[in-house]
Every structure is written in C-alpha cells, then in structure tokens.
N, C-alpha and C. Protein backbone atom coordinates (compact mmCIF):
# COMPACT_ATOMS: atom_id res chain seq x y z
N UNK A 1 -6.41 6.33 11.68
CA UNK A 1 -5.77 7.33 11.69
C UNK A 1 -4.33 7.27 12.65
N UNK A 2 -4.62 6.20 13.70
CA UNK A 2 -3.78 6.05 14.93
C UNK A 2 -2.69 5.18 14.06
N UNK A 3 -2.66 4.54 13.21
CA UNK A 3 -1.70 3.58 12.27
C UNK A 3 -0.78 4.32 11.29
N UNK A 4 -1.50 5.54 11.00
CA UNK A 4 -0.88 6.14 10.00
C UNK A 4 -0.17 7.09 10.83
N UNK A 5 -0.44 7.80 11.40
CA UNK A 5 0.19 8.62 12.78
C UNK A 5 1.60 7.71 12.83
N UNK A 6 1.29 6.70 13.31
CA UNK A 6 2.31 6.02 13.57
C UNK A 6 3.65 5.60 12.75
N UNK A 7 2.73 5.72 11.62
CA UNK A 7 3.95 5.10 10.28
C UNK A 7 4.53 6.58 9.71
N UNK A 8 4.08 7.61 10.16
CA UNK A 8 4.62 8.90 9.99
C UNK A 8 5.71 9.21 11.00
N UNK A 9 5.44 8.89 12.33
CA UNK A 9 6.49 8.89 13.40
C UNK A 9 7.57 8.21 13.37
N UNK A 10 7.10 6.65 12.74
CA UNK A 10 8.26 5.74 12.86
C UNK A 10 9.15 5.80 11.49
N UNK A 11 8.48 6.81 10.85
CA UNK A 11 9.45 6.83 9.52
C UNK A 11 9.24 5.61 8.34
N UNK A 12 8.34 4.97 8.74
CA UNK A 12 8.01 3.93 7.65
C UNK A 12 7.53 4.37 6.51
N UNK A 13 7.26 3.77 5.23
CA UNK A 13 7.28 4.30 4.14
C UNK A 13 5.46 3.83 4.17
N UNK A 14 5.42 5.13 3.45
CA UNK A 14 5.27 5.99 2.45
C UNK A 14 6.08 7.42 3.39
N UNK A 15 6.34 7.31 4.44
CA UNK A 15 6.61 8.28 4.72
C UNK A 15 7.84 8.91 4.92
N UNK A 16 8.71 9.99 4.79
CA UNK A 16 10.16 10.24 4.61
C UNK A 16 10.50 11.57 5.16
N UNK A 17 11.74 11.53 5.55
CA UNK A 17 12.01 12.51 5.87
C UNK A 17 12.32 13.63 5.05
N UNK A 18 11.86 14.70 5.80
CA UNK A 18 11.79 16.08 5.24
C UNK A 18 10.58 16.32 4.30
N UNK A 19 9.79 15.33 4.24
CA UNK A 19 8.26 15.56 3.31
C UNK A 19 6.69 15.40 4.34
N UNK A 20 6.26 15.98 4.09
CA UNK A 20 4.76 15.75 4.63
C UNK A 20 4.28 14.49 4.15
N UNK A 21 4.35 13.52 4.96
CA UNK A 21 3.76 12.00 4.52
C UNK A 21 2.38 12.05 4.93
N UNK A 22 1.98 12.87 5.25
CA UNK A 22 0.73 12.19 6.56
C UNK A 22 -0.23 11.85 5.29
N UNK A 23 -0.51 12.76 4.28
CA UNK A 23 -1.80 12.24 3.52
C UNK A 23 -1.28 11.11 2.64
N UNK A 24 -0.35 10.50 2.26
CA UNK A 24 0.15 9.68 2.29
C UNK A 24 -0.04 8.05 2.61
N UNK A 25 0.28 8.07 4.41
CA UNK A 25 0.13 7.29 5.22
C UNK A 25 -1.10 7.38 5.16
N UNK A 26 -2.14 8.00 5.22
CA UNK A 26 -3.64 7.80 5.65
C UNK A 26 -4.06 7.62 4.96
N UNK A 27 -3.94 7.45 3.25
CA UNK A 27 -4.42 6.80 2.08
C UNK A 27 -4.09 5.16 2.24
N UNK A 28 -2.82 5.07 3.01
CA UNK A 28 -2.20 3.62 2.68
C UNK A 28 -2.75 2.86 3.28
N UNK A 29 -3.09 3.78 5.13
CA UNK A 29 -3.57 2.88 6.34
C UNK A 29 -5.47 2.37 5.89
N UNK A 30 -5.92 3.56 5.34
CA UNK A 30 -7.36 3.62 5.14
C UNK A 30 -7.19 2.16 4.00
N UNK A 31 -6.59 2.09 3.01
CA UNK A 31 -6.69 1.02 2.10
C UNK A 31 -6.20 -0.14 2.95
N UNK A 32 -5.66 -0.18 3.77
CA UNK A 32 -5.06 -1.83 4.61
C UNK A 32 -6.30 -2.07 5.57
N UNK A 33 -6.68 -0.76 5.87
CA UNK A 33 -7.88 -1.05 7.06
C UNK A 33 -9.26 -1.73 6.33
N UNK A 34 -8.98 -1.19 5.20
CA UNK A 34 -10.86 -1.90 4.30
C UNK A 34 -10.25 -3.14 3.88
N UNK A 35 -8.96 -3.34 3.24
CA UNK A 35 -8.37 -4.52 2.89
C UNK A 35 -8.78 -5.71 4.17
N UNK A 36 -8.21 -5.08 5.25
CA UNK A 36 -8.44 -5.78 6.32
C UNK A 36 -9.53 -6.61 7.14
N UNK A 37 -10.69 -5.41 6.97
CA UNK A 37 -11.50 -5.81 6.76
C UNK A 37 -12.41 -7.03 6.03
N UNK A 38 -12.76 -6.31 4.76
CA UNK A 38 -12.58 -7.33 3.63
C UNK A 38 -12.39 -8.82 3.78
N UNK A 39 -11.00 -9.09 4.51
CA UNK A 39 -10.35 -10.40 4.18
C UNK A 39 -10.87 -11.11 5.70
N UNK A 40 -11.27 -10.35 6.57
CA UNK A 40 -11.65 -10.95 7.75
C UNK A 40 -13.72 -11.20 7.98
N UNK A 41 -13.76 -11.02 6.66
CA UNK A 41 -15.40 -10.79 6.38
C UNK A 41 -15.45 -11.81 5.56
N UNK A 42 -14.30 -12.71 4.79
CA UNK A 42 -14.47 -13.56 3.88
C UNK A 42 -14.00 -13.64 2.67
N UNK A 43 -13.73 -12.16 2.20
CA UNK A 43 -13.64 -11.92 0.95
C UNK A 43 -12.11 -12.72 0.37
N UNK A 44 -12.22 -13.44 -0.34
CA UNK A 44 -10.50 -14.18 -0.76
C UNK A 44 -9.87 -13.71 -2.55
N UNK A 45 -11.19 -12.55 -3.00
CA UNK A 45 -10.14 -12.22 -4.37
C UNK A 45 -9.05 -11.61 -4.16
N UNK A 46 -8.38 -11.53 -5.42
CA UNK A 46 -6.98 -10.75 -6.00
C UNK A 46 -7.73 -9.08 -5.34
N UNK A 47 -6.66 -8.83 -4.63
CA UNK A 47 -6.59 -6.86 -4.30
C UNK A 47 -5.45 -6.54 -4.77
N UNK A 48 -5.27 -5.32 -5.74
CA UNK A 48 -4.60 -4.87 -6.17
C UNK A 48 -4.36 -3.22 -5.66
N UNK A 49 -3.29 -2.86 -5.30
CA UNK A 49 -3.03 -1.40 -4.80
C UNK A 49 -2.44 -0.78 -6.02
N UNK A 50 -2.74 0.52 -6.76
CA UNK A 50 -2.41 0.89 -7.89
C UNK A 50 -1.94 2.59 -7.35
N UNK A 51 -0.69 2.68 -7.60
CA UNK A 51 -0.36 4.30 -7.43
C UNK A 51 1.09 4.47 -8.22
N UNK A 52 1.48 5.35 -8.94
CA UNK A 52 2.23 5.70 -9.83
C UNK A 52 3.21 6.52 -9.05
N UNK A 53 2.85 6.65 -7.70
CA UNK A 53 3.52 7.24 -6.90
C UNK A 53 4.60 6.55 -6.38
N UNK A 54 5.81 6.20 -7.04
CA UNK A 54 6.86 5.13 -6.55
C UNK A 54 7.28 5.73 -6.06
N UNK A 55 8.09 7.14 -5.82
CA UNK A 55 8.97 7.57 -4.96
C UNK A 55 8.39 7.04 -3.67
N UNK A 56 7.31 7.80 -3.50
CA UNK A 56 6.82 6.85 -1.82
C UNK A 56 6.64 5.43 -1.47
N UNK A 57 6.17 4.80 -2.39
CA UNK A 57 5.18 3.33 -2.31
C UNK A 57 6.34 2.19 -2.78
N UNK A 58 7.24 2.71 -3.38
CA UNK A 58 8.01 1.52 -4.29
C UNK A 58 9.68 2.41 -4.26
N UNK A 59 10.20 1.00 -4.13
CA UNK A 59 12.18 1.53 -4.17
C UNK A 59 12.40 1.63 -5.96
N UNK A 60 11.60 0.70 -6.87
CA UNK A 60 11.67 1.15 -8.08
C UNK A 60 9.94 0.46 -8.41
N UNK A 61 9.79 1.07 -9.91
CA UNK A 61 8.27 0.93 -10.14
C UNK A 61 7.91 -0.79 -9.90
N UNK A 62 8.72 -1.76 -9.64
CA UNK A 62 8.28 -3.18 -9.85
C UNK A 62 8.23 -3.71 -8.24
N UNK A 63 9.12 -2.43 -7.63
CA UNK A 63 9.58 -3.03 -5.85
C UNK A 63 9.11 -2.37 -5.18
N UNK A 64 8.33 -3.15 -4.41
CA UNK A 64 7.94 -2.03 -3.05
C UNK A 64 8.86 -2.04 -1.83
N UNK A 65 8.53 -0.67 -1.14
CA UNK A 65 9.65 -0.87 -0.19
C UNK A 65 8.98 -1.33 0.71
N UNK A 66 9.76 -2.03 1.69
CA UNK A 66 10.03 -3.71 2.38
C UNK A 66 8.93 -3.20 3.45
N UNK A 67 9.06 -1.86 4.14
CA UNK A 67 7.95 -1.66 4.98
C UNK A 67 6.49 -2.10 4.40
N UNK A 68 6.09 -1.61 3.58
CA UNK A 68 4.73 -1.66 2.92
C UNK A 68 4.68 -2.96 1.88
N UNK A 69 5.72 -3.70 1.88
CA UNK A 69 5.58 -5.08 1.33
C UNK A 69 5.07 -5.92 2.31
N UNK A 70 5.86 -5.91 3.43
CA UNK A 70 5.23 -6.82 4.48
C UNK A 70 4.07 -6.79 5.09
N UNK A 71 3.23 -5.21 4.75
CA UNK A 71 1.92 -4.96 5.06
C UNK A 71 1.02 -5.70 3.96
N UNK A 72 1.30 -5.53 2.64
CA UNK A 72 0.94 -5.83 1.86
C UNK A 72 0.67 -7.75 1.58
N UNK A 73 1.91 -8.09 1.99
CA UNK A 73 1.94 -9.43 2.25
C UNK A 73 1.06 -10.27 3.18
N UNK A 74 1.07 -9.59 4.19
CA UNK A 74 0.02 -9.98 5.31
C UNK A 74 -1.63 -10.18 4.81
N UNK A 75 -2.11 -9.13 3.82
CA UNK A 75 -3.43 -9.15 3.52
C UNK A 75 -3.22 -9.55 2.31
N UNK A 76 -2.13 -10.53 1.72
CA UNK A 76 -2.36 -10.85 -0.14
C UNK A 76 -2.95 -9.94 -0.94
N UNK A 77 -2.00 -8.73 -0.85
CA UNK A 77 -2.27 -7.89 -1.79
C UNK A 77 -1.19 -7.21 -2.98
N UNK A 78 -1.53 -7.31 -3.60
CA UNK A 78 -0.18 -7.13 -4.70
C UNK A 78 -0.22 -5.33 -5.27
N UNK A 79 0.82 -5.01 -5.92
CA UNK A 79 0.89 -3.86 -6.10
C UNK A 79 1.43 -3.29 -7.40
N UNK A 80 0.59 -2.58 -7.86
CA UNK A 80 1.11 -1.95 -9.55
C UNK A 80 1.12 -0.52 -9.88
N UNK A 81 1.99 0.02 -10.57
CA UNK A 81 2.19 1.30 -10.62
C UNK A 81 1.55 1.96 -11.61
N UNK A 82 0.76 1.08 -12.33
CA UNK A 82 -0.28 2.00 -13.31
C UNK A 82 -1.33 0.95 -13.32
N UNK A 83 -2.33 1.56 -13.81
CA UNK A 83 -3.62 0.77 -14.21
C UNK A 83 -3.18 -1.01 -15.28
N UNK A 84 -2.40 -0.21 -16.15
CA UNK A 84 -2.33 -1.51 -17.24
C UNK A 84 -1.78 -2.96 -16.34
N UNK A 85 -0.95 -2.44 -15.40
CA UNK A 85 -0.29 -3.43 -14.94
C UNK A 85 -1.12 -3.93 -13.63
N UNK A 86 -1.94 -3.49 -13.31
CA UNK A 86 -3.19 -3.84 -12.46
C UNK A 86 -3.93 -4.80 -12.89
N UNK A 87 -4.45 -4.59 -14.43
CA UNK A 87 -5.16 -5.33 -15.32
C UNK A 87 -4.49 -6.55 -15.59
N UNK A 88 -3.45 -6.64 -15.31
CA UNK A 88 -2.70 -8.01 -15.78
C UNK A 88 -2.42 -8.51 -14.84
N UNK A 89 -2.28 -8.04 -13.68
CA UNK A 89 -2.49 -8.86 -12.13
C UNK A 89 -3.87 -9.46 -11.63
N UNK A 90 -5.02 -8.46 -12.13
CA UNK A 90 -6.06 -9.16 -12.42
C UNK A 90 -6.74 -10.04 -13.16
N UNK A 91 -5.68 -10.47 -14.17
CA UNK A 91 -6.25 -11.26 -15.52
C UNK A 91 -7.15 -10.39 -15.84
N UNK A 92 -7.46 -9.51 -16.22
CA UNK A 92 -8.67 -8.56 -16.87
C UNK A 92 -7.87 -8.26 -18.43
C-alpha cells in the first residue's frame, strides 16, 4: 500500500494529475508485489500484465509508460493491452 501511495504522491504512472488514480496504483503495486515475491521464490516462467486501460498504463497500446516499463523490466514482466496479445506473448 505504501508503494501505491508513493506512486500517487510522486505522479508516477498510472497516476495522473486531475484524476483519482489511487485504485490503478494499488492494482499495479499489488501485482508487482506478487510477481516480486514469486520471482524471489524461484518462479521463472513468463509473466504478463494485461490491461486495456492504455490511457493510464501505456503511452500507446503497444508502449508502456516509462515509469511502469522500468518496474516491469526489473521483474521480467511483459505488458499486453488485451488477452489475445497476452496469449501471443505466452505462446498459447
């Protein structure tokens, strides 16, 4: 929760001025926390974050916001704007 609040206070994506982004930041930080714990536990499989909310998570449907991209890169997480793209990233 503290990371989500810090993300809002520092205006890091998915936080945006003029919008209550707390829920989006909680979702993202909860997800990152779960992946971080899984990676520390030895989980090495591909991980994909799926959200069609490209306005908050990406600068375009294919490119993540830099704030989020650096967090994902550190945990080897890919982004997909829809389930079809996620399936492709996971080779399903």
